[in-house]
Amino acid sequence: MKLPQTIPAGARVVVRLYAGVDERTGRMQYRDVVGHVRAWDGTTLAMTRDAAANGSRPAQDVDIRAADIAILKPVPERPVRS
């Protein structure tokens, strides 16, 4: 995937990462990370991963290498619970 030159800080994105090949099936595996961009320099995406909606995982800061990104796209904010 051709990655953008700029990604605005604060944008909420989903990043699909290559996670290797499944030994049993031989198919490529992926892992998704959803969160808010902190910085993008063209080689590393710094973002804050969203906390799990059910509270099982807190928010966490992650750095993702551009070479590990299969797909990157913007996603809307989560609905606000009342």
N, C-alpha and C. Protein backbone atom coordinates (compact mmCIF):
# COMPACT_ATOMS: atom_id res chain seq x y z
N MET A 1 0.85 -1.18 0.00
CA MET A 1 0.00 0.00 0.00
C MET A 1 0.88 1.23 0.00
N LYS A 2 0.51 2.22 -0.81
CA LYS A 2 1.21 3.49 -0.80
C LYS A 2 0.69 4.30 0.37
N LEU A 3 1.57 4.62 1.30
CA LEU A 3 1.17 5.36 2.50
C LEU A 3 1.19 6.86 2.25
N PRO A 4 0.32 7.61 2.93
CA PRO A 4 0.28 9.06 2.73
C PRO A 4 1.54 9.73 3.26
N GLN A 5 1.87 10.89 2.69
CA GLN A 5 3.03 11.65 3.16
C GLN A 5 2.75 12.28 4.51
N THR A 6 1.51 12.70 4.72
CA THR A 6 1.15 13.33 6.00
C THR A 6 -0.11 12.67 6.54
N ILE A 7 -0.13 12.54 7.85
CA ILE A 7 -1.32 12.08 8.56
C ILE A 7 -1.49 13.04 9.73
N PRO A 8 -2.61 13.73 9.82
CA PRO A 8 -2.77 14.72 10.88
C PRO A 8 -2.82 14.09 12.27
N ALA A 9 -2.12 14.71 13.20
CA ALA A 9 -2.17 14.25 14.59
C ALA A 9 -3.60 14.35 15.09
N GLY A 10 -4.04 13.35 15.83
CA GLY A 10 -5.39 13.33 16.36
C GLY A 10 -6.37 12.55 15.49
N ALA A 11 -5.98 12.23 14.25
CA ALA A 11 -6.86 11.46 13.36
C ALA A 11 -7.05 10.06 13.93
N ARG A 12 -8.27 9.54 13.85
CA ARG A 12 -8.53 8.17 14.31
C ARG A 12 -8.45 7.27 13.09
N VAL A 13 -7.59 6.26 13.17
CA VAL A 13 -7.34 5.37 12.04
C VAL A 13 -7.36 3.91 12.48
N VAL A 14 -7.57 3.03 11.50
CA VAL A 14 -7.36 1.60 11.71
C VAL A 14 -6.16 1.23 10.85
N VAL A 15 -5.23 0.50 11.46
CA VAL A 15 -4.03 0.06 10.77
C VAL A 15 -4.04 -1.46 10.75
N ARG A 16 -3.99 -2.05 9.57
CA ARG A 16 -3.90 -3.51 9.45
C ARG A 16 -2.43 -3.85 9.26
N LEU A 17 -1.92 -4.70 10.17
CA LEU A 17 -0.51 -5.07 10.17
C LEU A 17 -0.33 -6.49 9.68
N TYR A 18 0.78 -6.73 8.97
CA TYR A 18 1.14 -8.09 8.60
C TYR A 18 1.55 -8.82 9.87
N ALA A 19 1.02 -10.03 10.08
CA ALA A 19 1.33 -10.79 11.29
C ALA A 19 1.94 -12.15 10.95
N GLY A 20 2.48 -12.30 9.75
CA GLY A 20 3.13 -13.54 9.37
C GLY A 20 2.18 -14.50 8.66
N VAL A 21 2.72 -15.67 8.37
CA VAL A 21 1.98 -16.70 7.64
C VAL A 21 1.56 -17.79 8.62
N ASP A 22 0.31 -18.20 8.52
CA ASP A 22 -0.21 -19.29 9.35
C ASP A 22 0.48 -20.58 8.91
N GLU A 23 1.14 -21.26 9.84
CA GLU A 23 1.88 -22.48 9.51
C GLU A 23 0.97 -23.60 8.99
N ARG A 24 -0.25 -23.65 9.50
CA ARG A 24 -1.16 -24.73 9.14
C ARG A 24 -1.79 -24.51 7.77
N THR A 25 -2.24 -23.28 7.49
CA THR A 25 -2.96 -23.02 6.24
C THR A 25 -2.08 -22.39 5.15
N GLY A 26 -0.97 -21.77 5.54
CA GLY A 26 -0.11 -21.10 4.58
C GLY A 26 -0.63 -19.73 4.16
N ARG A 27 -1.69 -19.28 4.82
CA ARG A 27 -2.28 -17.98 4.47
C ARG A 27 -1.70 -16.87 5.34
N MET A 28 -1.62 -15.67 4.76
CA MET A 28 -1.14 -14.51 5.49
C MET A 28 -2.12 -14.17 6.61
N GLN A 29 -1.58 -13.77 7.77
CA GLN A 29 -2.40 -13.35 8.89
C GLN A 29 -2.19 -11.85 9.10
N TYR A 30 -3.21 -11.21 9.67
CA TYR A 30 -3.17 -9.77 9.91
C TYR A 30 -3.63 -9.48 11.33
N ARG A 31 -3.25 -8.30 11.82
CA ARG A 31 -3.68 -7.83 13.13
C ARG A 31 -4.07 -6.37 12.96
N ASP A 32 -5.19 -5.97 13.54
CA ASP A 32 -5.66 -4.59 13.42
C ASP A 32 -5.40 -3.81 14.69
N VAL A 33 -5.03 -2.54 14.50
CA VAL A 33 -4.84 -1.61 15.62
C VAL A 33 -5.68 -0.38 15.30
N VAL A 34 -6.55 0.01 16.23
CA VAL A 34 -7.40 1.19 16.06
C VAL A 34 -7.01 2.21 17.12
N GLY A 35 -6.82 3.44 16.70
CA GLY A 35 -6.46 4.47 17.66
C GLY A 35 -6.25 5.82 17.01
N HIS A 36 -5.65 6.73 17.77
CA HIS A 36 -5.43 8.11 17.34
C HIS A 36 -3.95 8.36 17.07
N VAL A 37 -3.68 9.00 15.94
CA VAL A 37 -2.32 9.29 15.52
C VAL A 37 -1.70 10.36 16.44
N ARG A 38 -0.47 10.08 16.89
CA ARG A 38 0.32 11.08 17.61
C ARG A 38 1.31 11.75 16.68
N ALA A 39 1.94 10.95 15.80
CA ALA A 39 2.93 11.49 14.86
C ALA A 39 3.15 10.51 13.72
N TRP A 40 3.57 11.04 12.57
CA TRP A 40 3.90 10.23 11.41
C TRP A 40 5.05 10.91 10.69
N ASP A 41 6.18 10.20 10.56
CA ASP A 41 7.34 10.79 9.88
C ASP A 41 7.65 10.09 8.56
N GLY A 42 6.77 9.23 8.10
CA GLY A 42 6.97 8.52 6.85
C GLY A 42 7.59 7.14 7.04
N THR A 43 8.20 6.90 8.20
CA THR A 43 8.79 5.59 8.48
C THR A 43 8.20 4.93 9.71
N THR A 44 7.72 5.74 10.66
CA THR A 44 7.13 5.21 11.89
C THR A 44 5.84 5.96 12.21
N LEU A 45 4.79 5.21 12.50
CA LEU A 45 3.51 5.78 12.90
C LEU A 45 3.41 5.64 14.42
N ALA A 46 3.37 6.76 15.12
CA ALA A 46 3.18 6.75 16.57
C ALA A 46 1.70 7.02 16.82
N MET A 47 1.07 6.11 17.55
CA MET A 47 -0.35 6.29 17.82
C MET A 47 -0.70 5.78 19.20
N THR A 48 -1.83 6.26 19.70
CA THR A 48 -2.38 5.78 20.96
C THR A 48 -3.51 4.83 20.62
N ARG A 49 -3.29 3.55 20.92
CA ARG A 49 -4.30 2.53 20.64
C ARG A 49 -5.48 2.72 21.57
N ASP A 50 -6.68 2.66 21.03
CA ASP A 50 -7.89 2.83 21.84
C ASP A 50 -8.00 1.73 22.89
N ALA A 51 -8.55 2.08 24.03
CA ALA A 51 -8.86 1.07 25.05
C ALA A 51 -9.97 0.18 24.51
N ALA A 52 -10.00 -1.07 24.96
CA ALA A 52 -11.07 -1.97 24.54
C ALA A 52 -12.41 -1.44 25.03
N ALA A 53 -13.42 -1.59 24.20
CA ALA A 53 -14.74 -1.08 24.55
C ALA A 53 -15.31 -1.73 25.80
N ASN A 54 -14.91 -2.99 26.06
CA ASN A 54 -15.43 -3.69 27.23
C ASN A 54 -14.55 -3.50 28.47
N GLY A 55 -13.50 -2.69 28.33
CA GLY A 55 -12.64 -2.40 29.49
C GLY A 55 -11.56 -3.43 29.74
N SER A 56 -11.41 -4.42 28.88
CA SER A 56 -10.44 -5.49 29.11
C SER A 56 -9.00 -5.08 28.82
N ARG A 57 -8.80 -3.98 28.06
CA ARG A 57 -7.45 -3.51 27.75
C ARG A 57 -7.43 -1.99 27.82
N PRO A 58 -6.48 -1.42 28.55
CA PRO A 58 -6.39 0.04 28.60
C PRO A 58 -5.79 0.60 27.30
N ALA A 59 -5.91 1.90 27.12
CA ALA A 59 -5.27 2.55 25.97
C ALA A 59 -3.76 2.39 26.12
N GLN A 60 -3.06 2.30 24.98
CA GLN A 60 -1.61 2.15 25.04
C GLN A 60 -0.96 2.84 23.86
N ASP A 61 0.24 3.37 24.10
CA ASP A 61 1.00 4.01 23.03
C ASP A 61 1.76 2.93 22.26
N VAL A 62 1.69 2.99 20.93
CA VAL A 62 2.38 2.03 20.08
C VAL A 62 3.11 2.77 18.96
N ASP A 63 4.22 2.20 18.53
CA ASP A 63 4.96 2.70 17.37
C ASP A 63 4.94 1.60 16.33
N ILE A 64 4.54 1.95 15.11
CA ILE A 64 4.37 0.96 14.04
C ILE A 64 5.28 1.35 12.87
N ARG A 65 6.10 0.40 12.43
CA ARG A 65 6.98 0.64 11.29
C ARG A 65 6.15 0.65 10.00
N ALA A 66 6.49 1.52 9.09
CA ALA A 66 5.77 1.62 7.81
C ALA A 66 5.80 0.30 7.06
N ALA A 67 6.90 -0.44 7.16
CA ALA A 67 7.02 -1.71 6.44
C ALA A 67 6.03 -2.76 6.95
N ASP A 68 5.51 -2.60 8.17
CA ASP A 68 4.57 -3.56 8.74
C ASP A 68 3.11 -3.25 8.41
N ILE A 69 2.86 -2.11 7.76
CA ILE A 69 1.49 -1.67 7.48
C ILE A 69 0.99 -2.24 6.16
N ALA A 70 -0.11 -2.99 6.22
CA ALA A 70 -0.74 -3.52 5.01
C ALA A 70 -1.78 -2.52 4.50
N ILE A 71 -2.60 -1.99 5.42
CA ILE A 71 -3.67 -1.05 5.07
C ILE A 71 -3.78 -0.03 6.19
N LEU A 72 -4.05 1.21 5.82
CA LEU A 72 -4.29 2.28 6.78
C LEU A 72 -5.47 3.09 6.28
N LYS A 73 -6.49 3.29 7.12
CA LYS A 73 -7.62 4.09 6.68
C LYS A 73 -8.26 4.79 7.88
N PRO A 74 -8.86 5.95 7.63
CA PRO A 74 -9.53 6.67 8.71
C PRO A 74 -10.82 5.97 9.11
N VAL A 75 -11.17 6.08 10.38
CA VAL A 75 -12.43 5.53 10.89
C VAL A 75 -13.09 6.57 11.78
N PRO A 76 -14.41 6.55 11.89
CA PRO A 76 -15.10 7.53 12.73
C PRO A 76 -14.87 7.25 14.21
N GLU A 77 -15.09 8.26 15.02
CA GLU A 77 -15.00 8.12 16.46
C GLU A 77 -16.07 7.15 16.95
N ARG A 78 -15.80 6.54 18.10
CA ARG A 78 -16.81 5.66 18.72
C ARG A 78 -18.02 6.50 19.13
N PRO A 79 -19.20 5.91 19.08
CA PRO A 79 -20.37 6.63 19.58
C PRO A 79 -20.22 6.88 21.09
N VAL A 80 -20.71 8.00 21.53
CA VAL A 80 -20.66 8.33 22.96
C VAL A 80 -21.78 7.61 23.67
N ARG A 81 -21.43 6.89 24.72
CA ARG A 81 -22.46 6.18 25.51
C ARG A 81 -23.10 7.15 26.48
N SER A 82 -24.39 7.01 26.66
CA SER A 82 -25.10 7.92 27.57
C SER A 82 -25.26 7.33 28.94
